[in-house]
């Protein structure tokens, strides 16, 4: 990405992070049954939880639970 990335596309003039929340929010409003798993910031290792074994194990369990719960036929 670096200096050639058009950050304005994401609504951030200052070159910060790509905020995709508006797109997720819009998609979730259009499809109330849409399931979205967002993990950043919820683990002791921050956004690089895959580098910390305990955090990776927790993430793995959380994703497994999310997928099972979101699968067709799962109770809502």
C-alpha atoms as a PDB file:
ATOM      1  CA  UNK A   1       0.000   0.000   0.000  1.00  0.00           C
ATOM      2  CA  UNK A   2       2.307   2.725   1.253  1.00  0.00           C
ATOM      3  CA  UNK A   3       2.471   6.135  -0.338  1.00  0.00           C
ATOM      4  CA  UNK A   4       0.562   5.119  -3.476  1.00  0.00           C
ATOM      5  CA  UNK A   5      -2.591   4.041  -1.615  1.00  0.00           C
ATOM      6  CA  UNK A   6      -5.567   6.353  -2.098  1.00  0.00           C
ATOM      7  CA  UNK A   7      -6.631   6.770   1.543  1.00  0.00           C
ATOM      8  CA  UNK A   8      -9.396   9.165   0.510  1.00  0.00           C
ATOM      9  CA  UNK A   9     -11.270   6.147  -0.854  1.00  0.00           C
ATOM     10  CA  UNK A  10     -11.677   5.050   2.752  1.00  0.00           C
ATOM     11  CA  UNK A  11     -12.670   8.450   4.118  1.00  0.00           C
ATOM     12  CA  UNK A  12      -9.380   9.162   5.871  1.00  0.00           C
ATOM     13  CA  UNK A  13      -7.541  12.206   4.577  1.00  0.00           C
ATOM     14  CA  UNK A  14      -4.618  11.721   6.938  1.00  0.00           C
ATOM     15  CA  UNK A  15      -3.350   8.360   5.708  1.00  0.00           C
ATOM     16  CA  UNK A  16      -4.414   6.391   8.775  1.00  0.00           C
ATOM     17  CA  UNK A  17      -6.149   3.043   8.712  1.00  0.00           C
ATOM     18  CA  UNK A  18      -8.737   1.790   6.224  1.00  0.00           C
ATOM     19  CA  UNK A  19     -12.070   2.145   8.019  1.00  0.00           C
ATOM     20  CA  UNK A  20     -14.431  -0.417   6.474  1.00  0.00           C
ATOM     21  CA  UNK A  21     -17.100  -0.024   9.173  1.00  0.00           C
ATOM     22  CA  UNK A  22     -19.455   2.000   6.924  1.00  0.00           C
ATOM     23  CA  UNK A  23     -19.453  -0.796   4.326  1.00  0.00           C
ATOM     24  CA  UNK A  24     -20.003  -3.495   6.950  1.00  0.00           C
ATOM     25  CA  UNK A  25     -22.772  -1.438   8.516  1.00  0.00           C
ATOM     26  CA  UNK A  26     -24.486  -0.887   5.168  1.00  0.00           C
ATOM     27  CA  UNK A  27     -24.278  -4.562   4.268  1.00  0.00           C
ATOM     28  CA  UNK A  28     -25.637  -5.595   7.673  1.00  0.00           C
ATOM     29  CA  UNK A  29     -28.557  -3.159   7.365  1.00  0.00           C
ATOM     30  CA  UNK A  30     -29.399  -4.506   3.905  1.00  0.00           C
ATOM     31  CA  UNK A  31     -29.083  -8.107   5.086  1.00  0.00           C
ATOM     32  CA  UNK A  32     -30.001  -8.473   8.782  1.00  0.00           C
ATOM     33  CA  UNK A  33     -29.012 -12.164   8.693  1.00  0.00           C
ATOM     34  CA  UNK A  34     -25.450 -11.369   7.612  1.00  0.00           C
ATOM     35  CA  UNK A  35     -22.914 -12.523  10.192  1.00  0.00           C
ATOM     36  CA  UNK A  36     -19.614 -10.667  10.537  1.00  0.00           C
ATOM     37  CA  UNK A  37     -16.729 -11.807  12.727  1.00  0.00           C
ATOM     38  CA  UNK A  38     -14.379  -8.983  13.722  1.00  0.00           C
ATOM     39  CA  UNK A  39     -11.538  -9.897  16.051  1.00  0.00           C
ATOM     40  CA  UNK A  40      -9.149  -6.945  16.139  1.00  0.00           C
ATOM     41  CA  UNK A  41      -8.648  -5.501  19.604  1.00  0.00           C
ATOM     42  CA  UNK A  42     -10.365  -8.336  21.487  1.00  0.00           C
ATOM     43  CA  UNK A  43      -7.234 -10.344  22.276  1.00  0.00           C
ATOM     44  CA  UNK A  44      -4.267  -9.766  24.579  1.00  0.00           C
ATOM     45  CA  UNK A  45      -1.958  -9.707  21.541  1.00  0.00           C
ATOM     46  CA  UNK A  46      -3.930  -6.932  19.808  1.00  0.00           C
ATOM     47  CA  UNK A  47      -4.370  -7.272  16.052  1.00  0.00           C
ATOM     48  CA  UNK A  48      -1.491  -9.771  15.659  1.00  0.00           C
ATOM     49  CA  UNK A  49      -3.007 -12.459  17.863  1.00  0.00           C
ATOM     50  CA  UNK A  50      -1.644 -15.179  15.587  1.00  0.00           C
ATOM     51  CA  UNK A  51       1.863 -14.517  16.986  1.00  0.00           C
ATOM     52  CA  UNK A  52       0.837 -15.305  20.556  1.00  0.00           C
ATOM     53  CA  UNK A  53      -0.033 -18.990  21.078  1.00  0.00           C
ATOM     54  CA  UNK A  54      -2.639 -18.433  23.799  1.00  0.00           C
ATOM     55  CA  UNK A  55      -4.328 -15.669  21.786  1.00  0.00           C
ATOM     56  CA  UNK A  56      -4.190 -17.803  18.630  1.00  0.00           C
ATOM     57  CA  UNK A  57      -5.848 -20.707  20.450  1.00  0.00           C
ATOM     58  CA  UNK A  58      -8.582 -18.368  21.713  1.00  0.00           C
ATOM     59  CA  UNK A  59      -9.077 -16.910  18.225  1.00  0.00           C
ATOM     60  CA  UNK A  60      -9.284 -20.416  16.757  1.00  0.00           C
ATOM     61  CA  UNK A  61     -11.956 -21.406  19.271  1.00  0.00           C
ATOM     62  CA  UNK A  62     -13.871 -18.168  18.694  1.00  0.00           C
ATOM     63  CA  UNK A  63     -13.828 -18.572  14.892  1.00  0.00           C
ATOM     64  CA  UNK A  64     -14.871 -22.214  15.186  1.00  0.00           C
ATOM     65  CA  UNK A  65     -17.800 -21.215  17.419  1.00  0.00           C
ATOM     66  CA  UNK A  66     -18.754 -18.352  15.082  1.00  0.00           C
ATOM     67  CA  UNK A  67     -18.776 -20.579  11.980  1.00  0.00           C
ATOM     68  CA  UNK A  68     -20.833 -23.275  13.680  1.00  0.00           C
ATOM     69  CA  UNK A  69     -23.316 -20.708  14.993  1.00  0.00           C
ATOM     70  CA  UNK A  70     -23.604 -18.942  11.618  1.00  0.00           C
ATOM     71  CA  UNK A  71     -24.009 -22.132   9.559  1.00  0.00           C
ATOM     72  CA  UNK A  72     -27.355 -22.753   7.882  1.00  0.00           C
ATOM     73  CA  UNK A  73     -29.632 -24.621  10.231  1.00  0.00           C
ATOM     74  CA  UNK A  74     -27.925 -23.386  13.398  1.00  0.00           C
ATOM     75  CA  UNK A  75     -30.318 -22.034  16.006  1.00  0.00           C
ATOM     76  CA  UNK A  76     -30.441 -18.241  15.990  1.00  0.00           C
END
